[in-house]
Amino acid sequence: MLVVKIGGAAGNNMDTVCEDLAKLVRSGQEAVLVHGGSEETNAVSEKLGHPPKFITSPSGFTSRFTDRETLEIFAMVTSGKINTILVERLQKLGVNAFGLSGVDGRMMQAKRKEAVRAVENGRVRLLHDDHTGTIQAVDAPLLHMLIRAGLTPVVAPLAISPEGVALNVDADRAAAMIAGALKAESLVILTNVPGLMRRFPDESTLMPKIERSKLEEALKFAEGRMKKKVLGAGEALGEGVQRVIFADSRIPAPISSALAGKGTVIS
């Protein structure tokens, strides 16, 4: 079992990712594709007059503040546009892709955060009305049923709360939880850089291998969104995934290259 996550930031090459994934699936590889949508959500939010708001937690993690209007824009972009386009691309490449979000069939259940802590002007504030959540459970039998039916799931990063409220969830951590639930051998997290670097953005400082025991130490090298990827890697390994690979989506055959060890391999 293989889980692939493609980032939603500018610079990611979804065409090469889909081409490579389709080749692997046609050869018999079982796979799930998880995607983000941050860049497109930012652009659409601006056009709709509801600019994105990002907050930084006291521990240094940056995330999108998601009020109800932002959630609906996020759902429109990720579950609506991006998910459909990825399914379309895979269908054109001979893969019977099946698009869904974690809301569908309660595939991903998450606990809604009653409030989020954010650092503003050097002070910690509590922000309410946030529609984000931490994933508590993944319905692995539902995904296995789709895969046994010859379908390749393409998952948008939305989950459902026990109360039935849709929530924005981090796509990297969603991919990690899905990989753990499916007991995947590998989780490949594709982004617009070659992997984790000691001195970002100097690509010559790429860290090719990291032992799981050194992940906390590696976290200090992570910049921006890479912090969540490192956190997700630890969660995936904790759930039984054998290896997590941070790799470059911009190169030819990005998934195959990652599985061959190109990028940052954590095991």
Protein backbone atom coordinates (compact mmCIF):
# COMPACT_ATOMS: atom_id res chain seq x y z
CA MET A 1 0.00 0.00 0.00
CA LEU A 2 1.23 3.46 -0.96
CA VAL A 3 -0.12 6.83 0.17
CA VAL A 4 0.94 9.92 -1.78
CA LYS A 5 0.32 13.50 -0.70
CA ILE A 6 0.68 16.36 -3.17
CA GLY A 7 0.93 19.86 -1.74
CA GLY A 8 -1.30 22.76 -2.64
CA ALA A 9 1.39 25.45 -2.69
CA ALA A 10 2.57 27.18 -5.85
CA GLY A 11 5.21 25.31 -7.83
CA ASN A 12 3.90 21.78 -7.32
CA ASN A 13 3.57 19.85 -10.56
CA MET A 14 0.33 17.89 -10.44
CA ASP A 15 0.73 16.68 -14.04
CA THR A 16 3.96 14.77 -13.39
CA VAL A 17 2.54 13.41 -10.12
CA CYS A 18 -0.59 12.10 -11.84
CA GLU A 19 1.40 10.62 -14.72
CA ASP A 20 3.73 8.77 -12.36
CA LEU A 21 0.93 7.62 -10.05
CA ALA A 22 -1.06 6.34 -13.02
CA LYS A 23 1.93 4.34 -14.22
CA LEU A 24 2.34 2.77 -10.78
CA VAL A 25 -1.38 1.97 -10.42
CA ARG A 26 -1.55 0.44 -13.90
CA SER A 27 1.34 -1.83 -12.89
CA GLY A 28 -0.67 -3.11 -9.91
CA GLN A 29 0.28 -0.70 -7.12
CA GLU A 30 -2.51 0.01 -4.61
CA ALA A 31 -2.50 3.69 -3.75
CA VAL A 32 -4.35 6.59 -2.20
CA LEU A 33 -3.71 10.19 -3.27
CA VAL A 34 -4.23 12.98 -0.72
CA HIS A 35 -4.02 16.61 -1.81
CA GLY A 36 -3.91 20.11 -0.41
CA GLY A 37 -5.18 23.37 -1.84
CA SER A 38 -3.65 26.28 0.04
CA GLU A 39 -2.54 28.46 -2.87
CA GLU A 40 -5.81 28.18 -4.79
CA THR A 41 -7.82 28.78 -1.62
CA ASN A 42 -5.84 31.96 -0.97
CA ALA A 43 -6.50 33.24 -4.49
CA VAL A 44 -10.22 32.47 -4.43
CA SER A 45 -10.58 33.96 -0.94
CA GLU A 46 -9.08 37.21 -2.17
CA LYS A 47 -11.39 37.29 -5.21
CA LEU A 48 -14.42 36.72 -2.99
CA GLY A 49 -13.47 39.55 -0.66
CA HIS A 50 -12.64 37.31 2.29
CA PRO A 51 -8.81 37.36 2.44
CA PRO A 52 -7.06 34.43 4.13
CA LYS A 53 -5.87 34.80 7.70
CA PHE A 54 -2.90 32.82 8.98
CA ILE A 55 -2.00 32.36 12.61
CA THR A 56 1.11 31.10 14.38
CA SER A 57 0.79 28.90 17.44
CA PRO A 58 3.00 29.40 20.52
CA SER A 59 5.01 26.35 19.37
CA GLY A 60 5.74 27.98 16.00
CA PHE A 61 3.32 26.14 13.69
CA THR A 62 1.54 28.25 11.06
CA SER A 63 -2.02 27.40 9.99
CA ARG A 64 -5.05 28.91 8.32
CA PHE A 65 -7.67 30.45 10.61
CA THR A 66 -10.89 28.92 9.33
CA ASP A 67 -14.13 30.70 10.15
CA ARG A 68 -17.31 29.34 8.57
CA GLU A 69 -16.99 31.42 5.40
CA THR A 70 -13.38 30.35 4.96
CA LEU A 71 -14.41 26.72 5.47
CA GLU A 72 -16.96 26.98 2.66
CA ILE A 73 -14.38 28.55 0.34
CA PHE A 74 -11.86 25.85 1.31
CA ALA A 75 -14.42 23.12 0.58
CA MET A 76 -15.34 24.70 -2.75
CA VAL A 77 -11.70 24.82 -3.84
CA THR A 78 -10.37 21.53 -2.45
CA SER A 79 -13.30 19.13 -2.58
CA GLY A 80 -14.90 20.89 -5.53
CA LYS A 81 -12.29 22.08 -8.00
CA ILE A 82 -8.92 20.47 -7.16
CA ASN A 83 -10.29 17.04 -6.28
CA THR A 84 -12.36 16.91 -9.47
CA ILE A 85 -9.46 18.01 -11.67
CA LEU A 86 -7.12 15.40 -10.15
CA VAL A 87 -9.72 12.68 -10.68
CA GLU A 88 -10.18 13.89 -14.26
CA ARG A 89 -6.43 13.77 -14.94
CA LEU A 90 -6.12 10.25 -13.55
CA GLN A 91 -9.16 9.09 -15.53
CA LYS A 92 -7.54 10.40 -18.72
CA LEU A 93 -4.46 8.35 -17.79
CA GLY A 94 -6.45 5.13 -17.45
CA VAL A 95 -6.89 5.12 -13.67
CA ASN A 96 -10.40 4.71 -12.28
CA ALA A 97 -9.98 7.42 -9.65
CA PHE A 98 -12.65 8.12 -7.04
CA GLY A 99 -12.80 11.56 -5.44
CA LEU A 100 -14.00 12.09 -1.89
CA SER A 101 -13.28 14.11 1.22
CA GLY A 102 -13.18 12.96 4.81
CA VAL A 103 -16.74 14.25 5.21
CA ASP A 104 -18.07 11.61 2.80
CA GLY A 105 -19.17 8.53 4.69
CA ARG A 106 -17.43 9.97 7.77
CA MET A 107 -14.22 8.68 6.24
CA MET A 108 -12.17 10.98 8.50
CA GLN A 109 -13.51 11.96 11.89
CA ALA A 110 -11.92 14.86 13.73
CA LYS A 111 -12.30 16.67 17.02
CA ARG A 112 -13.10 20.33 16.52
CA LYS A 113 -10.87 22.74 18.37
CA GLU A 114 -12.99 24.81 20.75
CA ALA A 115 -10.45 27.60 20.47
CA VAL A 116 -7.01 28.04 18.95
CA ARG A 117 -4.06 29.81 20.54
CA ALA A 118 -2.31 32.35 18.36
CA VAL A 119 0.62 34.67 18.91
CA GLU A 120 -0.24 38.23 17.88
CA ASN A 121 2.10 41.15 18.56
CA GLY A 122 4.03 39.04 21.04
CA ARG A 123 0.95 38.06 23.03
CA VAL A 124 -0.98 34.76 23.05
CA ARG A 125 -4.67 35.10 22.20
CA LEU A 126 -7.52 32.59 22.15
CA LEU A 127 -9.47 32.66 18.88
CA HIS A 128 -12.96 31.17 18.66
CA ASP A 129 -15.23 30.16 15.73
CA ASP A 130 -12.43 28.15 14.16
CA HIS A 131 -13.54 25.27 11.92
CA THR A 132 -10.39 23.18 12.10
CA GLY A 133 -9.90 19.81 13.73
CA THR A 134 -7.50 17.10 14.76
CA ILE A 135 -8.16 13.75 13.08
CA GLN A 136 -9.19 11.07 15.55
CA ALA A 137 -10.14 8.18 13.25
CA VAL A 138 -9.94 7.08 9.61
CA ASP A 139 -12.42 4.58 8.16
CA ALA A 140 -9.88 2.17 6.68
CA PRO A 141 -12.54 -0.43 5.69
CA LEU A 142 -14.23 2.20 3.50
CA LEU A 143 -10.98 2.96 1.68
CA HIS A 144 -10.15 -0.76 1.37
CA MET A 145 -13.61 -1.35 -0.11
CA LEU A 146 -12.98 1.28 -2.79
CA ILE A 147 -9.54 -0.12 -3.57
CA ARG A 148 -10.87 -3.70 -3.78
CA ALA A 149 -13.46 -2.41 -6.25
CA GLY A 150 -10.60 -1.27 -8.51
CA LEU A 151 -10.82 2.41 -7.57
CA THR A 152 -8.01 4.76 -6.58
CA PRO A 153 -9.19 7.14 -3.83
CA VAL A 154 -8.32 10.82 -4.20
CA VAL A 155 -8.89 12.54 -0.84
CA ALA A 156 -9.56 16.22 -0.09
CA PRO A 157 -8.49 17.45 3.39
CA LEU A 158 -11.86 17.86 5.06
CA ALA A 159 -13.14 15.84 8.02
CA ILE A 160 -16.36 15.57 10.01
CA SER A 161 -16.83 16.16 13.73
CA PRO A 162 -18.93 13.83 15.94
CA GLU A 163 -21.59 16.56 15.83
CA GLY A 164 -21.64 16.49 12.03
CA VAL A 165 -19.70 19.73 11.41
CA ALA A 166 -17.30 19.85 8.46
CA LEU A 167 -13.75 20.77 9.43
CA ASN A 168 -10.58 21.87 7.68
CA VAL A 169 -7.76 19.45 8.55
CA ASP A 170 -4.08 19.64 7.73
CA ALA A 171 -3.46 17.66 4.53
CA ASP A 172 -0.04 16.38 5.60
CA ARG A 173 -1.39 15.03 8.87
CA ALA A 174 -4.46 13.65 7.07
CA ALA A 175 -2.14 11.73 4.73
CA ALA A 176 -0.20 10.47 7.75
CA MET A 177 -3.35 9.22 9.49
CA ILE A 178 -4.63 7.57 6.29
CA ALA A 179 -1.26 5.87 5.73
CA GLY A 180 -1.29 4.62 9.32
CA ALA A 181 -4.87 3.35 9.11
CA LEU A 182 -4.11 1.47 5.88
CA LYS A 183 -0.79 0.12 7.24
CA ALA A 184 0.94 1.58 4.21
CA GLU A 185 4.51 0.61 3.53
CA SER A 186 5.38 4.11 2.33
CA LEU A 187 4.02 7.64 2.65
CA VAL A 188 5.39 9.99 -0.01
CA ILE A 189 4.88 13.70 0.73
CA LEU A 190 5.53 15.70 -2.43
CA THR A 191 6.23 19.40 -2.30
CA ASN A 192 7.93 22.20 -4.27
CA VAL A 193 11.36 21.60 -2.71
CA PRO A 194 13.64 18.52 -2.84
CA GLY A 195 13.16 17.62 0.83
CA LEU A 196 14.15 18.84 4.27
CA MET A 197 17.19 21.11 4.22
CA ARG A 198 19.51 22.10 7.05
CA ARG A 199 19.71 25.65 5.70
CA PHE A 200 16.61 26.43 3.66
CA PRO A 201 16.54 27.31 0.75
CA ASP A 202 20.07 25.99 0.06
CA GLU A 203 19.29 22.71 -1.73
CA SER A 204 22.88 21.52 -1.28
CA THR A 205 22.04 21.11 2.44
CA LEU A 206 19.36 18.47 1.75
CA MET A 207 19.12 15.87 4.52
CA PRO A 208 18.86 12.55 2.61
CA LYS A 209 18.10 10.34 5.62
CA ILE A 210 16.69 10.92 9.09
CA GLU A 211 16.19 8.28 11.76
CA ARG A 212 12.86 8.44 13.53
CA SER A 213 14.64 9.02 16.84
CA LYS A 214 16.15 12.22 15.36
CA LEU A 215 12.87 13.72 14.13
CA GLU A 216 12.53 16.15 17.00
CA GLU A 217 16.02 17.40 16.31
CA ALA A 218 15.20 17.68 12.60
CA LEU A 219 12.17 19.82 13.38
CA LYS A 220 14.41 22.78 14.14
CA PHE A 221 15.54 22.83 10.49
CA ALA A 222 11.98 22.90 9.15
CA GLU A 223 10.69 26.22 7.83
CA GLY A 224 7.04 27.19 7.40
CA ARG A 225 4.80 24.40 6.16
CA MET A 226 7.62 21.88 6.44
CA LYS A 227 7.08 21.85 10.21
CA LYS A 228 3.67 20.20 9.74
CA LYS A 229 5.19 17.68 7.35
CA VAL A 230 7.79 16.65 9.92
CA LEU A 231 5.05 16.38 12.55
CA GLY A 232 2.97 14.25 10.18
CA ALA A 233 5.95 12.01 9.45
CA GLY A 234 6.32 11.24 13.14
CA GLU A 235 2.61 10.45 13.42
CA ALA A 236 2.71 8.14 10.40
CA LEU A 237 5.71 6.20 11.71
CA GLY A 238 4.00 5.96 15.09
CA GLU A 239 1.00 4.35 13.35
CA GLY A 240 3.17 1.67 11.74
CA VAL A 241 4.13 3.19 8.38
CA GLN A 242 7.58 1.87 7.51
CA ARG A 243 8.99 5.00 5.89
CA VAL A 244 8.05 8.56 5.03
CA ILE A 245 9.69 10.39 2.15
CA PHE A 246 9.71 14.15 1.52
CA ALA A 247 10.34 14.61 -2.18
CA ASP A 248 10.21 17.04 -5.09
CA SER A 249 7.03 17.10 -7.20
CA ARG A 250 8.71 19.19 -9.90
CA ILE A 251 10.97 16.46 -11.30
CA PRO A 252 10.01 13.72 -13.77
CA ALA A 253 8.57 10.57 -12.16
CA PRO A 254 8.51 12.18 -8.70
CA ILE A 255 6.87 9.27 -6.86
CA SER A 256 9.10 6.60 -8.39
CA SER A 257 12.15 8.74 -7.65
CA ALA A 258 11.04 9.14 -4.03
CA LEU A 259 10.50 5.39 -3.64
CA ALA A 260 14.03 4.91 -5.02
CA GLY A 261 15.33 7.08 -2.18
CA LYS A 262 15.54 10.54 -3.75
CA GLY A 263 14.55 13.22 -1.25
CA THR A 264 14.52 12.96 2.54
CA VAL A 265 13.80 9.43 3.75
CA ILE A 266 12.61 9.00 7.34
CA SER A 267 12.44 5.50 8.73
